[in-house]
């Protein structure tokens, strides 16, 4: 899997590159700011771009802007945004109406090598990876119209783990239930959200978007 890493901190950037190369990823480019990232992305067309949310010159949302530009211009490239702090509005803007090939993680997660590399791989394969703290904050937001009114408490737990990008096997382990039970919960969630099978849609992604919507 081919990856670009964008961060103005050379120490963090090189650290991420070392982690990725040590676990079998092919790092095909590095960038210090949004403009350099876009040049690298257009040149190498990677499977995933790992992007710091705050980059020069203003250190506000340059990384987010670059991620959105990549999604629009290079839809085959997944984007994984890293942030020092939880900023759920930026996460929602990044997700837009399609969470496929999108990830948003706190930088602290990079030290959890297995979880971090798994998130990179999922995003590169067209899945999603959301930080557990983002999911928790979304859970705490009041909804004017709750799209999940019919979903049970257990099904909400399953959805929360789906939003983190967990597989059915990982969900089963986290909830200490069987994979068969997880499959039944997921099927029930799809039915309650009226998500019929369709070749052009990814139902897990659509369910997560419903879960995160206000």
Foldseek 3Di string as FASTA:
>chain_A
DEEEEEALDPVLRVVLVVLQVVVPYHHQYYYQFLVRVVVSCVVPVGLEYEFEQAGPDPRDGRRLVSLVVCCVPRVNHAYAYEYQDDDLVSVCVSCPQHQWLYEYEYPVCVVVSVLVVVQRVRSSVGAYAYYLVSLVVLVPDDDPDQLCPVQDPVLLLLLSVLNRVDDLVRSCVVVVHDSVVSVVSLVVLCVSNVPDDDPVDDSSRNSNCSSNDD
